[in-house]
Protein backbone atom coordinates (compact mmCIF):
# COMPACT_ATOMS: atom_id res chain seq x y z
CA MET A 1 115.57 101.14 110.67
CA THR A 2 111.89 100.47 110.25
CA PRO A 3 110.21 97.73 112.33
CA LEU A 4 109.82 94.32 110.72
CA ALA A 5 106.46 94.26 108.97
CA ASP A 6 103.70 91.62 108.94
CA MET A 7 105.36 89.33 111.45
CA ALA A 8 101.90 88.27 112.67
CA VAL A 9 101.80 85.72 109.85
CA TYR A 10 104.42 83.70 111.75
CA GLU A 11 102.85 83.70 115.19
CA ASP A 12 100.82 80.53 114.56
CA ALA A 13 103.76 78.16 114.23
CA GLU A 14 101.60 75.04 113.98
CA PHE A 15 99.69 76.45 111.02
CA TYR A 16 102.93 77.56 109.40
CA ASP A 17 104.19 73.99 109.64
CA LEU A 18 100.97 72.72 108.08
CA GLU A 19 101.12 75.25 105.28
CA PHE A 20 104.69 74.43 104.26
CA ALA A 21 104.78 70.72 105.14
CA ASP A 22 105.16 69.68 101.50
CA ARG A 23 107.80 72.23 100.50
CA GLN A 24 110.92 70.27 99.71
CA HIS A 25 112.39 71.81 96.55
CA ASP A 26 114.68 74.24 98.38
CA ALA A 27 115.78 72.12 101.33
CA ALA A 28 117.99 69.71 99.38
CA PHE A 29 119.96 72.64 97.97
CA PHE A 30 120.78 74.10 101.38
CA ILE A 31 121.51 70.70 102.92
CA GLU A 32 124.10 70.10 100.20
CA GLN A 33 125.64 73.54 100.75
CA ALA A 34 125.85 72.83 104.49
CA LYS A 35 127.61 69.53 103.82
CA GLN A 36 130.18 71.29 101.67
CA ALA A 37 130.81 74.02 104.25
CA HIS A 38 132.94 71.81 106.54
CA GLY A 39 132.14 73.84 109.60
CA PRO A 40 129.37 75.30 111.69
CA VAL A 41 126.35 76.66 109.84
CA LEU A 42 123.93 79.46 110.72
CA GLU A 43 120.45 79.63 109.24
CA VAL A 44 118.94 83.10 109.48
CA ALA A 45 115.13 83.19 109.78
CA CYS A 46 114.98 79.45 110.43
CA GLY A 47 111.30 79.36 111.38
CA THR A 48 110.21 76.02 112.79
CA GLY A 49 113.33 74.27 111.50
CA ARG A 50 112.07 73.03 108.13
CA ILE A 51 115.61 73.25 106.72
CA THR A 52 117.59 73.47 109.96
CA LEU A 53 116.55 70.06 111.26
CA PRO A 54 117.47 68.03 108.15
CA ILE A 55 120.91 69.67 108.25
CA ALA A 56 121.27 68.63 111.89
CA ARG A 57 120.16 65.10 110.98
CA ALA A 58 123.05 65.02 108.50
CA GLY A 59 125.43 65.44 111.43
CA ILE A 60 126.31 69.06 110.70
CA ALA A 61 126.73 71.57 113.52
CA ILE A 62 124.00 74.13 112.94
CA THR A 63 122.47 77.13 114.68
CA GLY A 64 118.99 78.38 113.83
CA LEU A 65 118.15 82.06 114.34
CA ASP A 66 114.70 83.61 114.26
CA VAL A 67 112.98 86.67 115.69
CA THR A 68 109.64 84.93 116.36
CA ARG A 69 109.48 83.07 119.67
CA SER A 70 106.57 80.80 118.75
CA MET A 71 108.46 79.51 115.70
CA LEU A 72 111.59 78.83 117.73
CA ASP A 73 109.61 77.15 120.52
CA LEU A 74 108.20 74.64 118.03
CA ALA A 75 111.60 74.15 116.38
CA ARG A 76 113.17 73.52 119.77
CA ARG A 77 110.51 70.93 120.69
CA LYS A 78 111.19 69.10 117.42
CA SER A 79 114.94 69.01 117.93
CA GLN A 80 114.55 67.83 121.51
CA ALA A 81 112.17 65.06 120.41
CA GLU A 82 114.91 63.75 118.09
CA ALA A 83 117.80 64.59 120.45
CA LEU A 84 119.36 66.75 117.75
CA PRO A 85 122.10 69.11 119.00
CA VAL A 86 120.80 72.36 117.46
CA THR A 87 121.50 75.77 118.96
CA TRP A 88 118.50 78.11 118.73
CA LEU A 89 118.88 81.89 118.90
CA GLU A 90 115.96 84.26 119.36
CA GLN A 91 117.45 87.32 117.69
CA ASP A 92 116.76 89.97 115.11
CA CYS A 93 118.93 89.23 112.07
CA ARG A 94 119.91 92.90 111.99
CA ALA A 95 121.82 92.43 115.23
CA ILE A 96 123.27 88.91 115.32
CA HIS A 97 125.22 88.14 118.48
CA SER A 98 127.29 84.98 118.61
CA GLU A 99 130.72 84.12 119.96
CA GLN A 100 130.87 81.41 117.33
CA HIS A 101 131.85 82.17 113.74
CA PHE A 102 130.27 80.23 110.91
CA SER A 103 131.65 78.70 107.74
CA LEU A 104 128.24 79.09 106.10
CA ILE A 105 125.44 81.54 106.82
CA PHE A 106 122.29 81.38 104.73
CA SER A 107 118.93 83.08 104.53
CA ALA A 108 116.54 80.88 102.57
CA THR A 109 113.34 81.27 100.59
CA ASN A 110 112.89 85.06 100.44
CA ALA A 111 113.28 85.65 104.19
CA MET A 112 115.59 88.60 103.53
CA GLN A 113 112.70 90.34 101.75
CA HIS A 114 111.09 91.13 105.09
CA LEU A 115 113.78 93.81 105.40
CA HIS A 116 112.10 96.76 103.74
CA ASP A 117 114.53 99.66 104.16
CA PHE A 118 118.19 100.10 103.30
CA ASP A 119 119.23 100.55 106.93
CA SER A 120 117.73 97.15 107.80
CA VAL A 121 119.35 95.43 104.82
CA ASN A 122 122.73 96.98 105.56
CA ALA A 123 122.46 96.07 109.25
CA PHE A 124 121.71 92.44 108.37
CA LEU A 125 124.58 92.13 105.90
CA ARG A 126 127.08 93.74 108.26
CA SER A 127 125.84 91.65 111.16
CA ALA A 128 126.22 88.47 109.12
CA ARG A 129 129.70 89.54 108.02
CA ASN A 130 130.73 89.98 111.66
CA VAL A 131 129.98 86.33 112.50
CA LEU A 132 131.22 84.81 109.25
CA ALA A 133 134.41 82.79 109.62
CA PRO A 134 137.42 83.74 107.46
CA GLY A 135 136.87 82.21 104.04
CA GLY A 136 133.23 81.54 104.85
CA THR A 137 130.22 81.96 102.57
CA LEU A 138 126.99 83.92 102.93
CA ILE A 139 124.13 82.68 100.73
CA LEU A 140 121.24 85.03 100.00
CA ASP A 141 118.05 83.70 98.43
CA VAL A 142 115.40 86.10 97.09
CA PHE A 143 113.00 86.00 94.17
CA ASN A 144 113.85 87.67 90.88
CA PRO A 145 111.20 90.38 90.36
CA ASP A 146 108.77 89.47 87.58
CA ILE A 147 107.40 92.62 85.98
CA SER A 148 104.19 90.89 84.88
CA LYS A 149 103.45 89.91 88.49
CA LEU A 150 104.33 93.35 89.82
CA ALA A 151 101.86 94.85 87.33
CA ARG A 152 98.85 92.91 88.63
CA SER A 153 95.95 95.15 89.55
CA ALA A 154 95.19 95.16 93.27
CA PRO A 155 91.53 94.00 93.08
CA ALA A 156 92.31 90.99 90.89
CA ARG A 157 92.16 87.83 92.99
CA TYR A 158 93.97 84.72 91.80
CA HIS A 159 94.51 81.16 93.03
CA HIS A 160 97.85 81.12 94.80
CA LYS A 161 98.09 77.51 95.98
CA SER A 162 96.26 74.72 97.79
CA ILE A 163 97.29 72.96 100.98
CA VAL A 164 95.89 70.02 102.95
CA ASP A 165 94.87 70.39 106.60
CA ALA A 166 95.41 67.90 109.43
CA GLU A 167 92.15 66.14 108.52
CA GLY A 168 93.18 65.69 104.90
CA LYS A 169 90.84 68.40 103.64
CA GLU A 170 91.90 70.88 101.00
CA ILE A 171 92.45 74.52 101.92
CA ARG A 172 92.39 76.83 98.93
CA VAL A 173 94.62 79.89 99.17
CA ASP A 174 93.65 82.87 97.02
CA ALA A 175 95.61 86.10 96.83
CA THR A 176 95.56 89.69 95.75
CA SER A 177 98.73 91.71 95.33
CA SER A 178 99.83 95.29 94.75
CA TYR A 179 103.23 96.78 94.11
CA ASP A 180 104.46 100.14 95.34
CA ALA A 181 107.25 101.15 92.97
CA ALA A 182 108.46 103.98 95.19
CA SER A 183 109.29 101.69 98.10
CA GLN A 184 109.78 98.51 96.00
CA ILE A 185 107.35 96.70 98.33
CA LEU A 186 105.11 93.95 96.97
CA ARG A 187 102.10 93.44 99.24
CA PHE A 188 99.90 90.36 99.33
CA GLU A 189 96.59 89.60 100.96
CA LEU A 190 96.12 85.85 101.32
CA TYR A 191 92.68 84.28 101.82
CA TYR A 192 92.42 80.75 103.21
CA LEU A 193 89.19 78.92 102.37
CA ARG A 194 87.88 75.41 103.06
CA ASN A 195 84.74 74.39 101.20
CA GLY A 196 84.23 78.05 100.34
CA GLU A 197 84.34 79.14 104.00
CA TYR A 198 86.94 81.67 105.10
CA LEU A 199 89.35 80.33 107.72
CA ARG A 200 91.76 83.24 108.00
CA THR A 201 93.51 85.98 106.06
CA LYS A 202 97.15 87.02 106.07
CA ALA A 203 98.98 90.16 105.04
CA VAL A 204 102.49 89.71 103.67
CA SER A 205 104.82 92.41 102.34
CA MET A 206 108.09 91.68 100.55
CA ARG A 207 110.87 94.04 99.52
CA CYS A 208 111.83 93.47 95.89
CA PHE A 209 115.55 93.41 95.16
CA PHE A 210 116.50 94.01 91.56
CA PRO A 211 119.60 92.15 90.37
CA GLU A 212 122.12 94.97 90.01
CA GLU A 213 120.81 96.62 93.18
CA LEU A 214 121.42 93.45 95.18
CA LEU A 215 124.96 93.14 93.85
CA ALA A 216 125.62 96.75 94.84
CA LEU A 217 124.23 96.21 98.35
CA CYS A 218 126.52 93.23 98.84
CA ARG A 219 129.57 95.16 97.64
CA PHE A 220 128.65 98.18 99.79
CA ASN A 221 128.63 95.91 102.86
CA GLY A 222 131.97 94.27 102.20
CA PHE A 223 131.04 91.22 100.11
CA ASP A 224 132.04 89.97 96.69
CA VAL A 225 129.39 87.91 94.92
CA VAL A 226 131.41 84.96 93.64
CA GLN A 227 128.51 83.00 92.15
CA ARG A 228 124.91 83.75 91.22
CA LEU A 229 122.33 81.03 90.53
CA GLY A 230 118.83 81.32 89.14
CA ASP A 231 117.19 78.42 90.95
CA TYR A 232 117.75 75.58 93.40
CA ASP A 233 118.72 73.24 90.55
CA GLY A 234 122.01 75.11 90.20
CA SER A 235 121.15 76.79 86.92
CA PRO A 236 122.96 80.07 86.22
CA PHE A 237 121.13 83.35 86.79
CA THR A 238 119.39 84.84 83.74
CA THR A 239 116.69 87.41 83.11
CA GLN A 240 114.07 84.65 83.20
CA SER A 241 115.31 83.03 86.42
CA PRO A 242 112.71 82.74 89.20
CA LYS A 243 115.36 83.18 91.93
CA GLN A 244 118.47 85.15 92.78
CA ILE A 245 120.75 82.92 94.85
CA LEU A 246 123.97 84.74 95.67
CA PHE A 247 127.16 83.22 97.09
CA CYS A 248 129.04 85.98 98.90
CA HIS A 249 132.56 86.13 100.32
CA ALA A 250 133.81 88.86 102.61
CA VAL A 251 136.49 91.08 101.06
């Protein structure tokens, strides 16, 4: 297995929280899935608890797993401040160790795409299968590759998004991207600017999973894909869908 790439982007947990403070569109989906699971839930790559904590607030037994200590430290401080009974595991998702088995395991918002090689993907899926309760569900959430975005030329910079800092000032985030078809890795350089002044840059690399490939990987690792959605609104997967959200059952 190759080492996890570009994990430095997650070391500043406070900035991560700031950057994604307004992201809500995915959380409601996973909270509802956790409610329907009727049993303990495991979030893989939970970060600072953006989705984990609302699930705990709903009274659901949940464990958050992440490989980055700074993210878990912040998540733990948040749960302690609210007296929420969350279990936090500092582990690599390719080697999950838990005596508990889970009715629902999920990996949200493209986190799985940090696994760049087949050995890493297979190790994650098998590891998740080992701690999935009988009849339980594994939910995978990755983007559906958009050929027009993969074809962007590397030097072309574009406006990716804007965020607001702690002082209420806008931070503009520009990006460049390049796609390596041989490895199926999409690489981004992100540039954070406030009033035209550079604050920081980030390098992010994401493994693209094409639809039939992802189905085959699930089957190879002992899962049937029982449902496939195209977005968090529950719409069915189509060619134009922005997401691939797979509901997997162990066979």
